[in-house]
């Protein structure tokens, strides 16, 4: 009997983040995030409206799309809470210090992975304050990028130099 190839741990966690993303309710892009420390999943999060409010997918409307807002801009107009924020909200800070956040993004219309994505500036600030050490972002089923939070987002503070950093 042939043995199935065992999945490497990073892609295993990214597979879970991608599955979490499939619960998202955004009409543009759906992210899934999981926070892992010491090989234990602390929490998960996906894009969705605050608890008790209607989701964009239920309403069939996106305020930012209706206003012609380009992707990556004016998130204050979005009715959803981002996946990273939801994962952070669902975990205790003491547990997250030194943890890794795994992130995957799916296109709403095609369900395909979206490469070259990153957390928005608001989520980056939340990740920093949560004490998360590393962010791993999926680009394809087998490829991903690893971001050292201190080196990429604290030392290279894009809020001090617009246009620089991620």
N, C-alpha and C. Protein backbone atom coordinates (compact mmCIF):
# COMPACT_ATOMS: atom_id res chain seq x y z
N UNK A 1 0.84 -1.17 0.00
CA UNK A 1 0.00 0.00 0.00
C UNK A 1 0.89 1.25 0.00
N UNK A 2 0.60 2.18 -0.88
CA UNK A 2 1.39 3.42 -0.99
C UNK A 2 1.05 4.34 0.18
N UNK A 3 2.07 5.01 0.68
CA UNK A 3 1.87 5.95 1.77
C UNK A 3 1.67 7.35 1.22
N UNK A 4 0.73 8.06 1.79
CA UNK A 4 0.48 9.44 1.39
C UNK A 4 1.62 10.32 1.89
N UNK A 5 2.06 11.24 1.07
CA UNK A 5 3.10 12.19 1.46
C UNK A 5 2.57 13.08 2.58
N UNK A 6 3.31 13.16 3.67
CA UNK A 6 2.91 13.98 4.80
C UNK A 6 3.12 15.45 4.47
N UNK A 7 2.14 16.27 4.74
CA UNK A 7 2.17 17.71 4.47
C UNK A 7 3.12 18.39 5.46
N UNK A 8 3.95 19.32 4.95
CA UNK A 8 4.83 20.05 5.87
C UNK A 8 3.96 20.92 6.78
N UNK A 9 4.49 21.23 7.94
CA UNK A 9 3.70 21.91 8.98
C UNK A 9 3.22 23.30 8.56
N UNK A 10 4.07 24.06 7.89
CA UNK A 10 3.66 25.41 7.48
C UNK A 10 2.47 25.34 6.54
N UNK A 11 2.54 24.49 5.52
CA UNK A 11 1.41 24.38 4.59
C UNK A 11 0.19 23.75 5.24
N UNK A 12 0.39 22.90 6.22
CA UNK A 12 -0.73 22.33 7.00
C UNK A 12 -1.50 23.48 7.65
N UNK A 13 -0.79 24.38 8.33
CA UNK A 13 -1.48 25.50 8.98
C UNK A 13 -2.09 26.45 7.95
N UNK A 14 -1.40 26.65 6.83
CA UNK A 14 -1.97 27.49 5.77
C UNK A 14 -3.20 26.84 5.15
N UNK A 15 -3.22 25.52 5.04
CA UNK A 15 -4.42 24.82 4.56
C UNK A 15 -5.61 25.10 5.48
N UNK A 16 -5.35 25.09 6.79
CA UNK A 16 -6.41 25.39 7.75
C UNK A 16 -6.87 26.84 7.60
N UNK A 17 -5.92 27.76 7.46
CA UNK A 17 -6.29 29.18 7.27
C UNK A 17 -7.12 29.35 6.01
N UNK A 18 -6.76 28.62 4.96
CA UNK A 18 -7.52 28.70 3.71
C UNK A 18 -8.95 28.17 3.91
N UNK A 19 -9.10 27.10 4.66
CA UNK A 19 -10.43 26.58 4.96
C UNK A 19 -11.23 27.59 5.77
N UNK A 20 -10.59 28.23 6.73
CA UNK A 20 -11.25 29.26 7.54
C UNK A 20 -11.71 30.40 6.63
N UNK A 21 -10.90 30.75 5.63
CA UNK A 21 -11.27 31.83 4.70
C UNK A 21 -12.56 31.52 3.96
N UNK A 22 -12.84 30.26 3.75
CA UNK A 22 -14.07 29.89 3.01
C UNK A 22 -15.33 30.24 3.78
N UNK A 23 -15.22 30.59 5.06
CA UNK A 23 -16.36 31.04 5.87
C UNK A 23 -16.60 32.54 5.72
N UNK A 24 -15.69 33.24 5.06
CA UNK A 24 -15.79 34.69 4.95
C UNK A 24 -17.04 35.14 4.21
N UNK A 25 -17.44 36.37 4.48
CA UNK A 25 -18.69 36.90 3.93
C UNK A 25 -18.49 38.15 3.07
N UNK A 26 -17.24 38.48 2.74
CA UNK A 26 -16.94 39.64 1.92
C UNK A 26 -17.26 39.34 0.46
N UNK A 27 -17.72 40.36 -0.26
CA UNK A 27 -18.03 40.20 -1.69
C UNK A 27 -16.84 40.50 -2.58
N UNK A 28 -15.67 40.76 -1.99
CA UNK A 28 -14.46 41.01 -2.74
C UNK A 28 -13.43 39.92 -2.49
N UNK A 29 -12.87 39.93 -1.29
CA UNK A 29 -11.84 38.96 -0.91
C UNK A 29 -12.10 38.45 0.49
N UNK A 30 -11.85 37.16 0.69
CA UNK A 30 -12.04 36.57 2.01
C UNK A 30 -10.73 36.02 2.54
N UNK A 31 -10.35 36.53 3.68
CA UNK A 31 -9.13 36.08 4.35
C UNK A 31 -9.50 35.12 5.46
N UNK A 32 -8.61 34.20 5.71
CA UNK A 32 -8.71 33.32 6.87
C UNK A 32 -7.41 33.43 7.63
N UNK A 33 -7.49 33.54 8.94
CA UNK A 33 -6.31 33.67 9.78
C UNK A 33 -6.38 32.66 10.92
N UNK A 34 -5.24 32.07 11.23
CA UNK A 34 -5.15 31.26 12.43
C UNK A 34 -3.89 31.68 13.18
N UNK A 35 -3.98 31.66 14.49
CA UNK A 35 -2.85 32.00 15.34
C UNK A 35 -2.39 30.72 16.02
N UNK A 36 -1.09 30.43 15.87
CA UNK A 36 -0.52 29.18 16.36
C UNK A 36 0.68 29.49 17.26
N UNK A 37 0.75 28.79 18.38
CA UNK A 37 1.92 28.88 19.25
C UNK A 37 2.20 27.50 19.83
N UNK A 38 3.46 27.11 19.79
CA UNK A 38 3.89 25.81 20.30
C UNK A 38 3.06 24.67 19.70
N UNK A 39 2.83 24.75 18.40
CA UNK A 39 2.07 23.74 17.65
C UNK A 39 0.63 23.55 18.13
N UNK A 40 0.06 24.58 18.72
CA UNK A 40 -1.34 24.55 19.12
C UNK A 40 -2.04 25.76 18.50
N UNK A 41 -3.20 25.51 17.90
CA UNK A 41 -3.99 26.60 17.32
C UNK A 41 -4.70 27.32 18.47
N UNK A 42 -4.40 28.61 18.62
CA UNK A 42 -5.00 29.41 19.67
C UNK A 42 -6.37 29.95 19.26
N UNK A 43 -6.49 30.38 18.00
CA UNK A 43 -7.74 30.95 17.54
C UNK A 43 -7.76 31.02 16.02
N UNK A 44 -8.94 31.25 15.50
CA UNK A 44 -9.12 31.43 14.06
C UNK A 44 -9.97 32.68 13.85
N UNK A 45 -9.92 33.21 12.64
CA UNK A 45 -10.76 34.35 12.30
C UNK A 45 -10.95 34.44 10.81
N UNK A 46 -12.11 34.90 10.41
CA UNK A 46 -12.40 35.15 9.00
C UNK A 46 -13.10 36.49 8.87
N UNK A 47 -13.22 36.98 7.65
CA UNK A 47 -13.84 38.27 7.38
C UNK A 47 -15.35 38.14 7.55
N UNK A 48 -15.92 39.02 8.35
CA UNK A 48 -17.37 39.01 8.53
C UNK A 48 -17.82 40.22 9.32
N UNK A 49 -19.11 40.54 9.19
CA UNK A 49 -19.69 41.67 9.92
C UNK A 49 -19.63 41.39 11.42
N UNK A 50 -19.65 42.44 12.24
CA UNK A 50 -19.69 42.23 13.69
C UNK A 50 -20.89 41.35 14.06
N UNK A 51 -20.72 40.58 15.13
CA UNK A 51 -21.78 39.66 15.57
C UNK A 51 -23.11 40.38 15.67
N UNK A 52 -24.13 39.76 15.11
CA UNK A 52 -25.48 40.31 15.16
C UNK A 52 -25.84 41.20 13.98
N UNK A 53 -24.85 41.65 13.23
CA UNK A 53 -25.12 42.49 12.06
C UNK A 53 -25.16 41.64 10.80
N UNK A 54 -25.87 42.12 9.80
CA UNK A 54 -25.96 41.39 8.53
C UNK A 54 -24.62 41.46 7.79
N UNK A 55 -24.25 40.37 7.17
CA UNK A 55 -23.03 40.29 6.36
C UNK A 55 -23.29 40.82 4.96
N UNK A 56 -22.24 41.28 4.31
CA UNK A 56 -22.36 41.76 2.93
C UNK A 56 -22.90 40.66 2.02
N UNK A 57 -22.45 39.43 2.24
CA UNK A 57 -22.92 38.33 1.40
C UNK A 57 -24.42 38.08 1.59
N UNK A 58 -24.95 38.37 2.78
CA UNK A 58 -26.39 38.23 3.02
C UNK A 58 -27.16 39.38 2.39
N UNK A 59 -26.56 40.57 2.43
CA UNK A 59 -27.21 41.76 1.87
C UNK A 59 -27.07 41.83 0.35
N UNK A 60 -26.06 41.16 -0.18
CA UNK A 60 -25.79 41.23 -1.62
C UNK A 60 -25.23 42.57 -2.05
N UNK A 61 -24.61 43.27 -1.09
CA UNK A 61 -24.10 44.60 -1.40
C UNK A 61 -22.82 44.87 -0.62
N UNK A 62 -21.94 45.64 -1.26
CA UNK A 62 -20.69 46.07 -0.65
C UNK A 62 -20.62 47.59 -0.75
N UNK A 63 -20.58 48.25 0.39
CA UNK A 63 -20.55 49.72 0.42
C UNK A 63 -19.33 50.25 -0.33
N UNK A 64 -18.17 49.68 -0.09
CA UNK A 64 -16.95 50.16 -0.73
C UNK A 64 -17.02 49.97 -2.25
N UNK A 65 -17.56 48.84 -2.69
CA UNK A 65 -17.70 48.60 -4.13
C UNK A 65 -18.70 49.60 -4.72
N UNK A 66 -19.83 49.85 -4.05
CA UNK A 66 -20.84 50.79 -4.53
C UNK A 66 -20.27 52.20 -4.66
N UNK A 67 -19.34 52.55 -3.77
CA UNK A 67 -18.73 53.88 -3.82
C UNK A 67 -17.52 53.94 -4.75
N UNK A 68 -17.16 52.81 -5.35
CA UNK A 68 -16.01 52.78 -6.26
C UNK A 68 -14.67 52.86 -5.55
N UNK A 69 -14.62 52.44 -4.30
CA UNK A 69 -13.38 52.50 -3.53
C UNK A 69 -12.47 51.34 -3.99
N UNK A 70 -11.24 51.65 -4.38
CA UNK A 70 -10.31 50.59 -4.80
C UNK A 70 -9.98 49.66 -3.64
N UNK A 71 -9.63 48.42 -3.98
CA UNK A 71 -9.22 47.47 -2.97
C UNK A 71 -8.02 48.02 -2.22
N UNK A 72 -7.98 47.78 -0.92
CA UNK A 72 -6.86 48.23 -0.11
C UNK A 72 -7.01 49.64 0.44
N UNK A 73 -8.15 50.28 0.19
CA UNK A 73 -8.34 51.65 0.66
C UNK A 73 -9.66 51.79 1.40
N UNK A 74 -9.70 52.79 2.28
CA UNK A 74 -10.92 53.22 2.98
C UNK A 74 -11.64 52.09 3.72
N UNK A 75 -10.87 51.31 4.49
CA UNK A 75 -11.47 50.20 5.23
C UNK A 75 -12.48 50.65 6.28
N UNK A 76 -12.42 51.91 6.68
CA UNK A 76 -13.40 52.39 7.65
C UNK A 76 -14.82 52.36 7.09
N UNK A 77 -14.95 52.28 5.76
CA UNK A 77 -16.27 52.19 5.13
C UNK A 77 -16.78 50.75 5.04
N UNK A 78 -15.93 49.79 5.35
CA UNK A 78 -16.28 48.37 5.27
C UNK A 78 -17.07 47.96 6.50
N UNK A 79 -18.10 47.15 6.32
CA UNK A 79 -18.91 46.71 7.46
C UNK A 79 -18.31 45.51 8.16
N UNK A 80 -17.27 44.91 7.60
CA UNK A 80 -16.70 43.69 8.15
C UNK A 80 -15.55 43.94 9.12
N UNK A 81 -15.32 42.94 9.95
CA UNK A 81 -14.13 42.86 10.78
C UNK A 81 -13.17 41.93 10.05
N UNK A 82 -11.91 42.33 9.92
CA UNK A 82 -10.94 41.53 9.17
C UNK A 82 -10.60 40.24 9.91
N UNK A 83 -10.14 39.26 9.14
CA UNK A 83 -9.81 37.94 9.68
C UNK A 83 -8.76 38.02 10.78
N UNK A 84 -7.71 38.80 10.55
CA UNK A 84 -6.64 38.94 11.53
C UNK A 84 -7.19 39.51 12.84
N UNK A 85 -8.04 40.53 12.72
CA UNK A 85 -8.64 41.15 13.91
C UNK A 85 -9.52 40.15 14.64
N UNK A 86 -10.32 39.40 13.92
CA UNK A 86 -11.18 38.40 14.56
C UNK A 86 -10.36 37.33 15.28
N UNK A 87 -9.27 36.88 14.66
CA UNK A 87 -8.42 35.88 15.32
C UNK A 87 -7.80 36.46 16.58
N UNK A 88 -7.36 37.71 16.54
CA UNK A 88 -6.76 38.35 17.70
C UNK A 88 -7.79 38.55 18.81
N UNK A 89 -8.99 38.96 18.44
CA UNK A 89 -10.06 39.17 19.43
C UNK A 89 -10.37 37.87 20.17
N UNK A 90 -10.23 36.74 19.49
CA UNK A 90 -10.60 35.45 20.07
C UNK A 90 -9.50 34.76 20.85
N UNK A 91 -8.39 35.44 21.09
CA UNK A 91 -7.28 34.84 21.84
C UNK A 91 -6.81 35.81 22.93
N UNK A 92 -6.21 35.26 23.95
CA UNK A 92 -5.65 36.09 25.02
C UNK A 92 -4.27 36.57 24.63
N UNK A 93 -3.94 37.82 24.93
CA UNK A 93 -2.64 38.37 24.55
C UNK A 93 -1.49 37.56 25.12
N UNK A 94 -1.61 37.12 26.35
CA UNK A 94 -0.54 36.34 26.97
C UNK A 94 -0.20 35.11 26.13
N UNK A 95 -1.20 34.52 25.52
CA UNK A 95 -0.97 33.35 24.67
C UNK A 95 -0.36 33.72 23.32
N UNK A 96 -0.67 34.91 22.81
CA UNK A 96 -0.22 35.29 21.47
C UNK A 96 1.22 35.78 21.43
N UNK A 97 1.80 36.15 22.55
CA UNK A 97 3.16 36.68 22.55
C UNK A 97 4.12 35.63 22.00
N UNK A 98 4.78 35.97 20.89
CA UNK A 98 5.70 35.06 20.23
C UNK A 98 5.04 34.08 19.26
N UNK A 99 3.75 34.20 19.04
CA UNK A 99 3.01 33.27 18.18
C UNK A 99 3.21 33.60 16.70
N UNK A 100 2.67 32.73 15.86
CA UNK A 100 2.67 32.92 14.41
C UNK A 100 1.24 33.01 13.92
N UNK A 101 0.98 33.98 13.05
CA UNK A 101 -0.32 34.12 12.41
C UNK A 101 -0.18 33.64 10.97
N UNK A 102 -1.02 32.68 10.58
CA UNK A 102 -1.04 32.15 9.21
C UNK A 102 -2.25 32.77 8.52
N UNK A 103 -2.04 33.22 7.26
CA UNK A 103 -3.06 33.98 6.55
C UNK A 103 -3.21 33.50 5.12
N UNK A 104 -4.45 33.30 4.69
CA UNK A 104 -4.74 32.93 3.31
C UNK A 104 -5.89 33.79 2.81
N UNK A 105 -5.86 34.11 1.52
CA UNK A 105 -6.89 34.97 0.92
C UNK A 105 -7.51 34.29 -0.29
N UNK A 106 -8.83 34.31 -0.35
CA UNK A 106 -9.58 33.74 -1.47
C UNK A 106 -10.37 34.84 -2.17
N UNK A 107 -10.36 34.81 -3.49
CA UNK A 107 -11.17 35.75 -4.28
C UNK A 107 -12.63 35.32 -4.15
N UNK A 108 -13.51 36.27 -3.88
CA UNK A 108 -14.92 35.95 -3.65
C UNK A 108 -15.56 35.27 -4.86
N UNK A 109 -15.37 35.82 -6.03
CA UNK A 109 -16.08 35.31 -7.22
C UNK A 109 -15.54 33.99 -7.73
N UNK A 110 -14.22 33.79 -7.64
CA UNK A 110 -13.62 32.57 -8.19
C UNK A 110 -13.30 31.51 -7.14
N UNK A 111 -13.15 31.93 -5.89
CA UNK A 111 -12.75 31.01 -4.84
C UNK A 111 -11.28 30.64 -4.90
N UNK A 112 -10.54 31.25 -5.84
CA UNK A 112 -9.11 30.96 -6.02
C UNK A 112 -8.27 31.75 -5.03
N UNK A 113 -7.11 31.21 -4.71
CA UNK A 113 -6.16 31.92 -3.86
C UNK A 113 -5.73 33.22 -4.52
N UNK A 114 -5.55 34.25 -3.72
CA UNK A 114 -5.04 35.53 -4.20
C UNK A 114 -3.61 35.66 -3.67
N UNK A 115 -2.67 35.76 -4.58
CA UNK A 115 -1.25 35.88 -4.21
C UNK A 115 -0.90 37.33 -3.87
N UNK A 116 0.24 37.49 -3.22
CA UNK A 116 0.82 38.80 -2.93
C UNK A 116 -0.07 39.69 -2.07
N UNK A 117 -0.82 39.09 -1.16
CA UNK A 117 -1.63 39.89 -0.25
C UNK A 117 -0.85 40.11 1.05
N UNK A 118 -1.28 41.08 1.80
CA UNK A 118 -0.70 41.39 3.10
C UNK A 118 -1.79 41.92 4.01
N UNK A 119 -1.60 41.85 5.31
CA UNK A 119 -2.56 42.50 6.20
C UNK A 119 -2.56 44.01 5.95
N UNK A 120 -3.72 44.64 6.12
CA UNK A 120 -3.81 46.09 5.97
C UNK A 120 -3.06 46.76 7.12
N UNK A 121 -2.88 48.06 7.03
CA UNK A 121 -2.12 48.78 8.06
C UNK A 121 -2.79 48.69 9.43
N UNK A 122 -4.13 48.68 9.46
CA UNK A 122 -4.82 48.56 10.75
C UNK A 122 -4.55 47.19 11.37
N UNK A 123 -4.62 46.13 10.57
CA UNK A 123 -4.37 44.79 11.09
C UNK A 123 -2.91 44.61 11.48
N UNK A 124 -2.00 45.25 10.75
CA UNK A 124 -0.58 45.20 11.15
C UNK A 124 -0.38 45.76 12.54
N UNK A 125 -1.06 46.86 12.84
CA UNK A 125 -0.95 47.45 14.18
C UNK A 125 -1.50 46.50 15.24
N UNK A 126 -2.61 45.84 14.94
CA UNK A 126 -3.17 44.87 15.88
C UNK A 126 -2.22 43.70 16.10
N UNK A 127 -1.62 43.21 15.02
CA UNK A 127 -0.67 42.10 15.09
C UNK A 127 0.53 42.48 15.97
N UNK A 128 1.04 43.68 15.76
CA UNK A 128 2.16 44.17 16.57
C UNK A 128 1.78 44.20 18.04
N UNK A 129 0.64 44.81 18.36
CA UNK A 129 0.24 44.95 19.76
C UNK A 129 -0.14 43.62 20.40
N UNK A 130 -0.56 42.66 19.61
CA UNK A 130 -0.89 41.33 20.16
C UNK A 130 0.37 40.57 20.57
N UNK A 131 1.52 41.01 20.07
CA UNK A 131 2.77 40.32 20.40
C UNK A 131 3.10 39.18 19.46
N UNK A 132 2.39 39.11 18.34
CA UNK A 132 2.65 38.06 17.34
C UNK A 132 4.01 38.31 16.72
N UNK A 133 4.83 37.29 16.63
CA UNK A 133 6.21 37.42 16.16
C UNK A 133 6.34 37.28 14.65
N UNK A 134 5.55 36.38 14.06
CA UNK A 134 5.72 36.03 12.65
C UNK A 134 4.37 35.95 11.97
N UNK A 135 4.31 36.39 10.71
CA UNK A 135 3.12 36.23 9.88
C UNK A 135 3.54 35.45 8.64
N UNK A 136 2.78 34.41 8.31
CA UNK A 136 3.04 33.60 7.13
C UNK A 136 1.85 33.75 6.21
N UNK A 137 2.10 34.23 4.97
CA UNK A 137 1.04 34.54 4.02
C UNK A 137 1.13 33.59 2.84
N UNK A 138 0.05 32.91 2.54
CA UNK A 138 0.01 31.96 1.43
C UNK A 138 -0.12 32.69 0.09
N UNK A 139 0.70 32.27 -0.89
CA UNK A 139 0.61 32.79 -2.25
C UNK A 139 0.05 31.74 -3.21
N UNK A 140 0.35 30.47 -2.98
CA UNK A 140 -0.20 29.37 -3.78
C UNK A 140 -0.27 28.16 -2.86
N UNK A 141 -0.75 27.06 -3.37
CA UNK A 141 -0.89 25.86 -2.53
C UNK A 141 0.43 25.45 -1.88
N UNK A 142 1.53 25.73 -2.55
CA UNK A 142 2.84 25.32 -2.03
C UNK A 142 3.75 26.48 -1.62
N UNK A 143 3.45 27.70 -2.04
CA UNK A 143 4.36 28.80 -1.75
C UNK A 143 3.75 29.81 -0.78
N UNK A 144 4.62 30.42 -0.02
CA UNK A 144 4.20 31.38 1.00
C UNK A 144 5.36 32.31 1.31
N UNK A 145 5.02 33.42 1.99
CA UNK A 145 6.02 34.38 2.45
C UNK A 145 5.99 34.42 3.97
N UNK A 146 7.15 34.54 4.57
CA UNK A 146 7.25 34.64 6.03
C UNK A 146 7.73 36.04 6.38
N UNK A 147 6.98 36.69 7.25
CA UNK A 147 7.27 38.08 7.62
C UNK A 147 7.65 38.12 9.10
N UNK A 148 8.81 38.67 9.38
CA UNK A 148 9.24 38.92 10.75
C UNK A 148 8.62 40.25 11.16
N UNK A 149 7.69 40.21 12.08
CA UNK A 149 6.92 41.40 12.45
C UNK A 149 7.83 42.54 12.93
N UNK A 150 8.78 42.23 13.79
CA UNK A 150 9.66 43.29 14.32
C UNK A 150 10.46 43.94 13.20
N UNK A 151 11.06 43.14 12.33
CA UNK A 151 11.90 43.69 11.27
C UNK A 151 11.13 44.38 10.17
N UNK A 152 9.97 43.85 9.83
CA UNK A 152 9.23 44.38 8.69
C UNK A 152 8.24 45.48 9.06
N UNK A 153 7.65 45.41 10.24
CA UNK A 153 6.57 46.34 10.55
C UNK A 153 6.84 47.25 11.74
N UNK A 154 7.81 46.92 12.56
CA UNK A 154 8.13 47.81 13.68
C UNK A 154 9.32 48.69 13.30
N UNK A 155 10.42 48.07 12.90
CA UNK A 155 11.61 48.84 12.51
C UNK A 155 11.36 49.64 11.25
N UNK A 156 10.60 49.11 10.31
CA UNK A 156 10.25 49.81 9.06
C UNK A 156 8.82 50.31 9.19
N UNK A 157 8.64 51.35 9.95
CA UNK A 157 7.32 51.89 10.27
C UNK A 157 6.77 52.72 9.11
N UNK A 158 5.86 52.12 8.33
CA UNK A 158 5.33 52.82 7.16
C UNK A 158 4.49 54.04 7.52
N UNK A 159 4.04 54.13 8.77
CA UNK A 159 3.24 55.29 9.16
C UNK A 159 4.11 56.54 9.31
N UNK A 160 5.44 56.35 9.41
CA UNK A 160 6.35 57.50 9.48
C UNK A 160 6.84 57.94 8.10
N UNK A 161 6.81 57.03 7.14
CA UNK A 161 7.30 57.31 5.79
C UNK A 161 6.29 56.78 4.77
N UNK A 162 5.28 57.56 4.45
CA UNK A 162 4.26 57.08 3.50
C UNK A 162 4.90 56.59 2.20
N UNK A 163 4.39 55.45 1.75
CA UNK A 163 4.89 54.88 0.49
C UNK A 163 5.98 53.87 0.68
N UNK A 164 6.55 53.78 1.88
CA UNK A 164 7.59 52.80 2.14
C UNK A 164 7.01 51.62 2.90
N UNK A 165 7.77 50.56 3.00
CA UNK A 165 7.31 49.36 3.68
C UNK A 165 6.37 48.58 2.81
N UNK A 166 5.46 47.88 3.41
CA UNK A 166 4.50 47.07 2.67
C UNK A 166 3.33 47.92 2.28
